[in-house]
Amino acid sequence: MEKTANDKSKPTFDSIISNLPDEFRNEIIETDSFLKSLRPMKFKRVIDKNGSKITYVASDFGISYALKISGGQFSHNFWWYIIHKGKPETWHRKADYMEETLVGIAQNDMPLSERIFNSFKDCTHCYGEGCLAKTLYEFNGQKKLTCHGRVNLNMCKEDFHDVREFFRRLNVFMERKTASGELPPDKIILANAKRSL
């Protein structure tokens, strides 16, 4: 059967990044290979149906990394995602090892931990005091109230390196926890979490 002019091919990883500047494309390709190689985290790559986002999900550990490529606007971020099916009182995270990971990294690379901590998207109280996406993190004597706990990064070589290094350290951390039989908690219920400084 011949394709018509209205047919749209499904976006692929290669088609999404093909028109990006070399500096971005090369970093994305390296990060893609790196994330998919990690064990036990087992990141799975998901392509948005509109070809505007590439997401990597490690569902066993409740964390995701996303690249947004749309209309000339490029960004990338990661977070321990929120599962919000059902009533708000059931919204939860599968896990959240951000604070423990930052402390672990700081033992021999404090600058990396500080860069990650300073890249959190700040909470602007856009949904008021009852917003369940508010996420409080503490590190090195500082507190930050963040929006979804999301780490927002710049599209530059240095920040892509930081992403890979953060996930390399996190993967080692998860490998140790898995080997010791220390599994993630069943759920972190957001309604029970502290959401103010």
Protein backbone atom coordinates (compact mmCIF):
# COMPACT_ATOMS: atom_id res chain seq x y z
CA MET A 1 0.00 0.00 0.00
CA GLU A 2 1.40 3.42 -0.97
CA LYS A 3 1.78 6.12 1.64
CA THR A 4 -0.28 9.25 1.19
CA ALA A 5 0.91 12.80 1.68
CA ASN A 6 -0.94 12.88 5.01
CA ASP A 7 0.87 9.89 6.46
CA LYS A 8 3.22 10.71 9.30
CA SER A 9 6.04 8.38 10.20
CA LYS A 10 6.52 7.59 13.85
CA PRO A 11 9.34 9.67 15.34
CA THR A 12 12.51 7.79 16.23
CA PHE A 13 15.52 8.65 18.37
CA ASP A 14 17.61 9.27 15.28
CA SER A 15 14.97 11.40 13.55
CA ILE A 16 14.47 13.59 16.63
CA ILE A 17 18.14 14.41 17.09
CA SER A 18 19.14 14.50 13.41
CA ASN A 19 18.72 18.25 13.01
CA LEU A 20 20.25 19.28 16.31
CA PRO A 21 23.61 21.08 16.45
CA ASP A 22 26.52 18.64 16.59
CA GLU A 23 27.45 19.65 20.14
CA PHE A 24 23.98 18.68 21.43
CA ARG A 25 23.57 15.59 19.26
CA ASN A 26 26.89 14.07 20.30
CA GLU A 27 26.19 14.63 24.00
CA ILE A 28 22.71 13.12 23.68
CA ILE A 29 24.05 10.05 21.86
CA GLU A 30 26.69 9.51 24.54
CA THR A 31 24.15 9.99 27.34
CA ASP A 32 21.67 7.63 25.63
CA SER A 33 24.24 4.82 25.39
CA PHE A 34 25.41 5.43 28.93
CA LEU A 35 21.98 5.39 30.58
CA LYS A 36 20.86 2.25 28.74
CA SER A 37 24.02 0.44 29.87
CA LEU A 38 23.45 0.98 33.60
CA ARG A 39 22.65 -2.01 35.79
CA PRO A 40 20.75 -2.45 38.06
CA MET A 41 18.91 0.72 37.07
CA LYS A 42 17.84 -0.50 33.61
CA PHE A 43 16.74 2.77 32.04
CA LYS A 44 14.16 2.35 29.30
CA ARG A 45 13.99 4.98 26.54
CA VAL A 46 10.55 6.32 25.58
CA ILE A 47 9.93 8.56 22.57
CA ASP A 48 7.07 11.07 22.73
CA LYS A 49 4.53 10.49 19.94
CA ASN A 50 5.02 14.06 18.71
CA GLY A 51 8.80 13.72 18.71
CA SER A 52 9.25 16.58 21.17
CA LYS A 53 10.59 14.62 24.16
CA ILE A 54 12.88 11.70 24.90
CA THR A 55 12.45 10.19 28.35
CA TYR A 56 14.53 7.59 30.16
CA VAL A 57 12.75 5.78 32.98
CA ALA A 58 14.24 3.49 35.62
CA SER A 59 10.88 2.27 36.88
CA ASP A 60 12.27 -0.07 39.56
CA PHE A 61 13.78 2.97 41.28
CA GLY A 62 11.17 5.61 40.39
CA ILE A 63 13.48 8.06 38.63
CA SER A 64 13.41 9.57 35.15
CA TYR A 65 15.54 11.79 32.93
CA ALA A 66 13.97 13.77 30.09
CA LEU A 67 15.18 15.74 27.09
CA LYS A 68 12.71 18.24 25.64
CA ILE A 69 13.29 19.19 22.03
CA SER A 70 10.55 21.42 20.69
CA GLY A 71 10.37 24.55 18.56
CA GLY A 72 14.03 25.35 18.96
CA GLN A 73 13.76 25.15 22.75
CA PHE A 74 16.02 22.52 24.29
CA SER A 75 16.16 21.48 27.94
CA HIS A 76 16.82 18.43 30.09
CA ASN A 77 16.01 17.47 33.66
CA PHE A 78 15.66 14.56 36.05
CA TRP A 79 13.60 13.75 39.14
CA TRP A 80 12.10 11.02 41.27
CA TYR A 81 8.76 11.13 39.52
CA ILE A 82 5.32 11.34 41.10
CA ILE A 83 2.73 8.63 40.49
CA HIS A 84 -0.59 10.47 40.51
CA LYS A 85 -3.20 7.95 39.50
CA GLY A 86 -6.20 7.92 41.81
CA LYS A 87 -7.16 10.39 44.53
CA PRO A 88 -4.60 13.01 45.66
CA GLU A 89 -4.19 11.31 49.03
CA THR A 90 -2.76 8.28 47.17
CA TRP A 91 -0.23 10.22 45.09
CA HIS A 92 3.25 8.95 45.80
CA ARG A 93 6.82 8.35 44.76
CA LYS A 94 8.22 4.86 44.46
CA ALA A 95 11.49 6.07 46.00
CA ASP A 96 13.58 9.20 46.53
CA TYR A 97 17.30 8.86 47.17
CA MET A 98 18.26 12.42 46.25
CA GLU A 99 19.57 13.51 49.64
CA GLU A 100 21.48 10.26 50.24
CA THR A 101 23.03 10.44 46.77
CA LEU A 102 24.13 14.06 47.19
CA VAL A 103 25.76 13.21 50.52
CA GLY A 104 27.51 10.20 48.99
CA ILE A 105 28.82 12.19 46.01
CA ALA A 106 30.00 14.99 48.31
CA GLN A 107 32.45 12.64 50.01
CA ASN A 108 34.79 13.00 47.04
CA ASP A 109 33.14 15.52 44.71
CA MET A 110 31.46 18.29 46.68
CA PRO A 111 31.32 20.64 43.63
CA LEU A 112 29.14 18.15 41.73
CA SER A 113 26.74 17.80 44.67
CA GLU A 114 26.52 21.57 44.99
CA ARG A 115 25.86 22.04 41.27
CA ILE A 116 23.04 19.50 41.37
CA PHE A 117 21.57 21.02 44.54
CA ASN A 118 21.72 24.51 43.01
CA SER A 119 19.96 23.30 39.85
CA PHE A 120 16.69 22.38 41.54
CA LYS A 121 13.66 24.12 40.12
CA ASP A 122 12.44 26.36 42.93
CA CYS A 123 8.86 26.14 44.15
CA THR A 124 7.01 29.35 43.26
CA HIS A 125 3.83 28.39 45.17
CA CYS A 126 1.86 28.43 41.91
CA TYR A 127 -0.67 25.94 43.31
CA GLY A 128 -0.76 27.31 46.84
CA GLU A 129 0.09 25.73 50.16
CA GLY A 130 -1.66 22.44 49.46
CA CYS A 131 0.39 21.55 46.36
CA LEU A 132 1.54 17.94 46.63
CA ALA A 133 4.37 18.46 44.13
CA LYS A 134 6.34 20.60 46.58
CA THR A 135 9.46 18.67 47.50
CA LEU A 136 11.78 19.68 50.31
CA TYR A 137 15.44 18.71 50.11
CA GLU A 138 18.22 19.31 52.62
CA PHE A 139 21.92 19.17 51.88
CA ASN A 140 25.06 20.48 53.58
CA GLY A 141 23.09 22.62 56.04
CA GLN A 142 20.85 24.13 53.37
CA LYS A 143 17.17 23.57 52.59
CA LYS A 144 15.39 24.02 49.28
CA LEU A 145 11.68 23.85 48.56
CA THR A 146 11.50 22.62 44.98
CA CYS A 147 8.91 22.15 42.27
CA HIS A 148 8.47 18.38 41.84
CA GLY A 149 12.04 17.90 43.08
CA ARG A 150 13.12 18.49 39.50
CA VAL A 151 16.76 19.19 38.63
CA ASN A 152 16.85 21.51 35.59
CA LEU A 153 20.02 21.52 33.51
CA ASN A 154 21.55 23.63 30.76
CA MET A 155 22.22 22.28 27.28
CA CYS A 156 25.99 22.37 27.56
CA LYS A 157 28.81 19.82 27.67
CA GLU A 158 29.40 20.41 31.38
CA ASP A 159 25.80 19.72 32.39
CA PHE A 160 25.58 16.57 30.24
CA HIS A 161 28.73 15.39 32.00
CA ASP A 162 27.10 16.12 35.37
CA VAL A 163 24.03 14.07 34.38
CA ARG A 164 26.15 11.07 33.48
CA GLU A 165 28.30 11.36 36.59
CA PHE A 166 25.28 11.75 38.87
CA PHE A 167 23.64 8.63 37.42
CA ARG A 168 26.92 6.71 37.50
CA ARG A 169 27.20 7.42 41.24
CA LEU A 170 23.50 6.71 41.81
CA ASN A 171 23.80 3.39 39.97
CA VAL A 172 26.69 2.31 42.22
CA PHE A 173 24.60 3.35 45.23
CA MET A 174 21.62 1.33 43.99
CA GLU A 175 23.88 -1.63 43.23
CA ARG A 176 25.04 -1.67 46.84
CA LYS A 177 21.50 -1.37 48.17
CA THR A 178 20.28 -4.16 45.90
CA ALA A 179 23.16 -6.44 46.90
CA SER A 180 22.45 -5.86 50.59
CA GLY A 181 18.75 -6.58 50.11
CA GLU A 182 17.77 -3.01 50.99
CA LEU A 183 14.86 -2.44 48.64
CA PRO A 184 13.05 0.85 48.00
CA PRO A 185 10.10 1.59 50.31
CA ASP A 186 6.68 0.53 49.11
CA LYS A 187 5.57 4.14 48.66
CA ILE A 188 6.40 7.65 49.73
CA ILE A 189 2.95 9.20 50.19
CA LEU A 190 3.15 12.88 49.24
CA ALA A 191 0.31 13.93 51.51
CA ASN A 192 2.44 12.77 54.49
CA ALA A 193 5.66 14.42 53.33
CA LYS A 194 7.02 17.69 54.72
CA ARG A 195 6.36 20.44 52.17
CA SER A 196 7.53 23.63 53.87
CA LEU A 197 10.85 25.11 54.98
